[in-house]
């Protein structure tokens, strides 16, 4: 089953939606049967590439609100994140221009590391306050993935994979994607936003019919109270 995810590393609901999808895949029994492709969608293309403001400052300017009003908004987002086991730390977050992080993600995809890379960036950003404008952080992630750091440096210093980002933007326009996260299942079903797990489960089953796959039997319990070979035991 193929699932495309339009998202950005600094989108709080993208990380929540990612976790909801992962829980749904496991619950519905499709682990190991899903191919996920991330599509770049920058929510802040005008964000400064250097000396970026804090998330609070950026949101206050964007919504013409006070810092205190913005903090009230983020409390609701933090609560939603906790529902999927995430602990957001908005106090330490800075806004980030994510173009080079997305280009580096395209490079990692050829090694089958895009999903792990995405998890590392989102976790670092939302829970640890890592700066996604910092090449050192991005390269540290590359190192943890056992990929060639020197080649990654070249990707960051160039415009490599810009065409891939352009294609993602074109695909988003063709599908009418105007906000993220946006999930496309088997090029047939779409989910907009970080919907609850059950919504993803239903959609996974529908997409599985198109893909011609069946859920894998998921064992529940410890299987201690059984009868076998003429003997019953507790």
Protein backbone atom coordinates (compact mmCIF):
# COMPACT_ATOMS: atom_id res chain seq x y z
CA UNK A 1 0.00 0.00 0.00
CA UNK A 2 1.36 3.42 -0.95
CA UNK A 3 0.77 6.46 1.26
CA UNK A 4 2.05 9.92 0.37
CA UNK A 5 2.30 12.48 3.17
CA UNK A 6 2.49 16.20 2.44
CA UNK A 7 4.07 17.75 5.52
CA UNK A 8 6.63 20.13 6.96
CA UNK A 9 9.10 19.46 9.75
CA UNK A 10 7.90 22.50 11.74
CA UNK A 11 4.18 21.74 11.45
CA UNK A 12 2.96 20.59 14.90
CA UNK A 13 -0.06 18.77 13.50
CA UNK A 14 2.13 16.97 10.95
CA UNK A 15 4.01 15.22 13.73
CA UNK A 16 0.76 14.39 15.52
CA UNK A 17 -0.75 13.08 12.28
CA UNK A 18 2.35 11.00 11.63
CA UNK A 19 1.94 9.31 15.01
CA UNK A 20 -1.78 8.75 14.45
CA UNK A 21 -1.04 7.06 11.12
CA UNK A 22 1.67 4.87 12.65
CA UNK A 23 -0.66 3.76 15.43
CA UNK A 24 -3.38 3.01 12.88
CA UNK A 25 -1.05 0.94 10.68
CA UNK A 26 -0.07 -1.17 13.67
CA UNK A 27 -3.62 -1.50 15.02
CA UNK A 28 -5.12 -2.39 11.63
CA UNK A 29 -2.47 -5.04 10.96
CA UNK A 30 -0.62 -3.51 8.01
CA UNK A 31 2.85 -3.22 9.54
CA UNK A 32 5.45 -4.03 6.91
CA UNK A 33 2.94 -3.63 4.08
CA UNK A 34 2.94 0.16 3.75
CA UNK A 35 5.28 2.31 1.67
CA UNK A 36 5.35 5.90 2.88
CA UNK A 37 6.66 8.75 0.77
CA UNK A 38 7.04 12.22 2.24
CA UNK A 39 6.18 15.22 0.08
CA UNK A 40 7.72 18.56 0.96
CA UNK A 41 5.31 21.36 1.84
CA UNK A 42 6.83 24.46 3.44
CA UNK A 43 4.41 26.21 5.78
CA UNK A 44 6.81 29.14 6.28
CA UNK A 45 8.64 29.74 2.99
CA UNK A 46 9.25 33.37 3.98
CA UNK A 47 10.88 32.46 7.29
CA UNK A 48 14.40 33.94 7.59
CA UNK A 49 17.18 31.44 6.92
CA UNK A 50 19.25 32.99 9.69
CA UNK A 51 18.40 34.57 13.06
CA UNK A 52 14.87 33.22 12.83
CA UNK A 53 12.38 34.39 15.47
CA UNK A 54 10.99 32.11 18.15
CA UNK A 55 7.80 30.20 17.42
CA UNK A 56 5.91 32.51 19.77
CA UNK A 57 7.23 35.60 17.97
CA UNK A 58 6.54 34.12 14.55
CA UNK A 59 2.97 33.13 15.42
CA UNK A 60 2.25 36.49 17.07
CA UNK A 61 3.31 38.31 13.92
CA UNK A 62 1.46 35.94 11.61
CA UNK A 63 -1.82 36.10 13.51
CA UNK A 64 -1.42 39.71 14.69
CA UNK A 65 -1.70 38.49 18.27
CA UNK A 66 0.12 38.98 21.55
CA UNK A 67 2.65 36.51 22.88
CA UNK A 68 0.23 35.59 25.68
CA UNK A 69 -2.54 34.86 23.18
CA UNK A 70 -0.19 32.67 21.18
CA UNK A 71 0.82 30.77 24.30
CA UNK A 72 -2.84 30.01 24.87
CA UNK A 73 -3.09 28.55 21.37
CA UNK A 74 -0.02 26.38 21.83
CA UNK A 75 -1.40 24.95 25.07
CA UNK A 76 -4.21 23.37 23.06
CA UNK A 77 -1.74 21.96 20.53
CA UNK A 78 0.44 20.60 23.34
CA UNK A 79 -2.56 18.82 24.85
CA UNK A 80 -3.43 17.26 21.49
CA UNK A 81 0.18 16.09 21.09
CA UNK A 82 0.07 14.40 24.48
CA UNK A 83 -2.80 12.23 23.23
CA UNK A 84 -0.33 10.45 20.93
CA UNK A 85 2.53 10.35 23.43
CA UNK A 86 4.36 13.49 22.31
CA UNK A 87 5.60 16.20 24.67
CA UNK A 88 5.96 19.49 22.81
CA UNK A 89 8.25 22.19 24.16
CA UNK A 90 7.16 25.43 22.51
CA UNK A 91 9.24 27.50 24.93
CA UNK A 92 12.44 26.40 23.19
CA UNK A 93 11.25 26.30 19.57
CA UNK A 94 12.46 28.65 16.86
CA UNK A 95 10.86 29.09 13.48
CA UNK A 96 12.82 27.57 10.61
CA UNK A 97 13.15 27.84 6.87
CA UNK A 98 12.94 24.15 5.98
CA UNK A 99 13.98 24.11 2.31
CA UNK A 100 17.41 22.57 2.88
CA UNK A 101 16.05 20.10 5.42
CA UNK A 102 13.58 18.93 2.77
CA UNK A 103 16.31 18.65 0.13
CA UNK A 104 18.36 16.54 2.51
CA UNK A 105 15.31 14.35 3.12
CA UNK A 106 15.12 13.64 -0.62
CA UNK A 107 18.75 12.58 -0.53
CA UNK A 108 18.10 10.17 2.38
CA UNK A 109 15.19 8.56 0.55
CA UNK A 110 17.48 6.81 -1.92
CA UNK A 111 18.96 4.91 1.05
CA UNK A 112 15.58 4.04 2.57
CA UNK A 113 16.19 6.42 5.49
CA UNK A 114 13.63 9.18 4.80
CA UNK A 115 11.13 8.04 7.45
CA UNK A 116 13.79 7.74 10.16
CA UNK A 117 15.27 11.11 9.14
CA UNK A 118 11.83 12.73 9.35
CA UNK A 119 11.23 11.26 12.80
CA UNK A 120 14.60 12.50 14.04
CA UNK A 121 13.99 16.04 12.78
CA UNK A 122 10.46 16.29 14.13
CA UNK A 123 11.41 14.81 17.48
CA UNK A 124 14.43 17.07 17.76
CA UNK A 125 12.43 20.16 16.82
CA UNK A 126 9.27 19.68 18.86
CA UNK A 127 10.57 17.94 21.97
CA UNK A 128 14.15 19.21 22.25
CA UNK A 129 13.98 22.61 20.59
CA UNK A 130 16.63 21.78 17.97
CA UNK A 131 17.31 24.44 15.34
CA UNK A 132 16.45 23.15 11.87
CA UNK A 133 18.42 26.04 10.37
CA UNK A 134 21.57 24.60 11.95
CA UNK A 135 23.63 22.51 9.54
CA UNK A 136 25.42 20.90 12.47
CA UNK A 137 22.16 19.44 13.78
CA UNK A 138 21.10 18.18 10.35
CA UNK A 139 24.49 16.57 9.80
CA UNK A 140 24.40 15.00 13.26
CA UNK A 141 21.17 13.30 12.24
CA UNK A 142 22.82 12.09 9.05
CA UNK A 143 25.66 10.66 11.13
CA UNK A 144 23.23 8.77 13.39
CA UNK A 145 21.69 7.24 10.26
CA UNK A 146 25.13 5.95 9.22
CA UNK A 147 25.08 7.96 5.99
CA UNK A 148 27.99 9.84 4.41
CA UNK A 149 28.26 13.19 6.22
CA UNK A 150 30.63 14.69 3.63
CA UNK A 151 28.18 14.04 0.80
CA UNK A 152 25.37 15.45 2.95
CA UNK A 153 27.43 18.63 3.45
CA UNK A 154 27.58 18.98 -0.32
CA UNK A 155 23.81 18.61 -0.59
CA UNK A 156 23.28 21.36 2.00
CA UNK A 157 25.76 23.68 0.28
CA UNK A 158 24.16 23.23 -3.15
CA UNK A 159 20.73 23.29 -4.74
CA UNK A 160 20.63 19.52 -5.13
CA UNK A 161 17.12 18.02 -5.12
CA UNK A 162 15.45 21.40 -5.65
CA UNK A 163 13.67 19.84 -8.63
CA UNK A 164 12.16 17.24 -6.32
CA UNK A 165 10.77 19.99 -4.11
CA UNK A 166 9.35 21.73 -7.19
CA UNK A 167 7.63 18.48 -8.18
CA UNK A 168 6.13 18.13 -4.70
CA UNK A 169 4.76 21.67 -4.96
CA UNK A 170 3.28 20.84 -8.35
CA UNK A 171 1.70 17.65 -7.00
CA UNK A 172 0.21 19.61 -4.10
CA UNK A 173 -1.31 22.12 -6.50
CA UNK A 174 -2.76 19.34 -8.65
CA UNK A 175 -4.42 17.75 -5.61
CA UNK A 176 -5.59 21.06 -4.20
CA UNK A 177 -3.49 20.70 -1.05
CA UNK A 178 -3.58 24.00 0.82
CA UNK A 179 -2.74 22.85 4.32
CA UNK A 180 -0.81 20.06 6.00
CA UNK A 181 -0.66 17.34 7.03
CA UNK A 182 -2.35 15.83 3.99
CA UNK A 183 -2.34 12.07 3.45
CA UNK A 184 -2.97 10.35 0.10
CA UNK A 185 -3.77 6.63 0.18
CA UNK A 186 -3.19 4.64 -3.02
CA UNK A 187 -3.80 7.85 -4.98
CA UNK A 188 -7.48 7.35 -4.19
CA UNK A 189 -8.34 8.50 -0.66
CA UNK A 190 -7.22 11.64 1.15
CA UNK A 191 -7.14 12.70 4.79
CA UNK A 192 -6.59 16.34 5.72
CA UNK A 193 -5.25 17.07 9.16
CA UNK A 194 -4.31 15.03 12.22
CA UNK A 195 -7.51 13.00 12.40
CA UNK A 196 -8.12 10.43 15.18
CA UNK A 197 -6.69 6.93 14.79
CA UNK A 198 -10.01 5.34 13.83
CA UNK A 199 -10.28 7.57 10.75
CA UNK A 200 -6.89 6.36 9.58
CA UNK A 201 -7.83 2.73 10.32
CA UNK A 202 -10.97 2.93 8.17
CA UNK A 203 -9.05 4.55 5.33
CA UNK A 204 -6.28 1.98 5.55
CA UNK A 205 -8.80 -0.83 5.13
CA UNK A 206 -10.34 0.91 2.13
CA UNK A 207 -6.94 1.49 0.52
CA UNK A 208 -5.90 -2.09 1.25
CA UNK A 209 -8.78 -3.36 -0.90
CA UNK A 210 -7.45 -1.33 -3.82
CA UNK A 211 -3.87 -2.50 -3.16
CA UNK A 212 -5.03 -6.12 -2.88
CA UNK A 213 -3.51 -6.78 0.53
CA UNK A 214 -4.88 -8.26 3.76
CA UNK A 215 -4.13 -7.30 7.35
CA UNK A 216 -1.76 -9.57 9.23
CA UNK A 217 -3.17 -11.47 12.21
CA UNK A 218 -2.30 -9.55 15.36
CA UNK A 219 -1.93 -11.69 18.50
CA UNK A 220 -3.48 -10.33 21.70
CA UNK A 221 -2.76 -11.68 25.20
CA UNK A 222 -0.12 -14.09 26.52
CA UNK A 223 -1.77 -17.37 25.41
CA UNK A 224 -1.26 -19.09 28.77
CA UNK A 225 -4.78 -20.51 29.28
CA UNK A 226 -4.78 -23.13 26.50
CA UNK A 227 -5.34 -26.78 25.69
CA UNK A 228 -2.88 -28.64 23.44
CA UNK A 229 -1.72 -32.22 22.93
CA UNK A 230 -4.42 -33.58 25.24
CA UNK A 231 -3.42 -31.30 28.11
CA UNK A 232 -5.02 -28.11 29.41
CA UNK A 233 -3.11 -25.61 31.49
CA UNK A 234 -3.59 -22.23 33.11
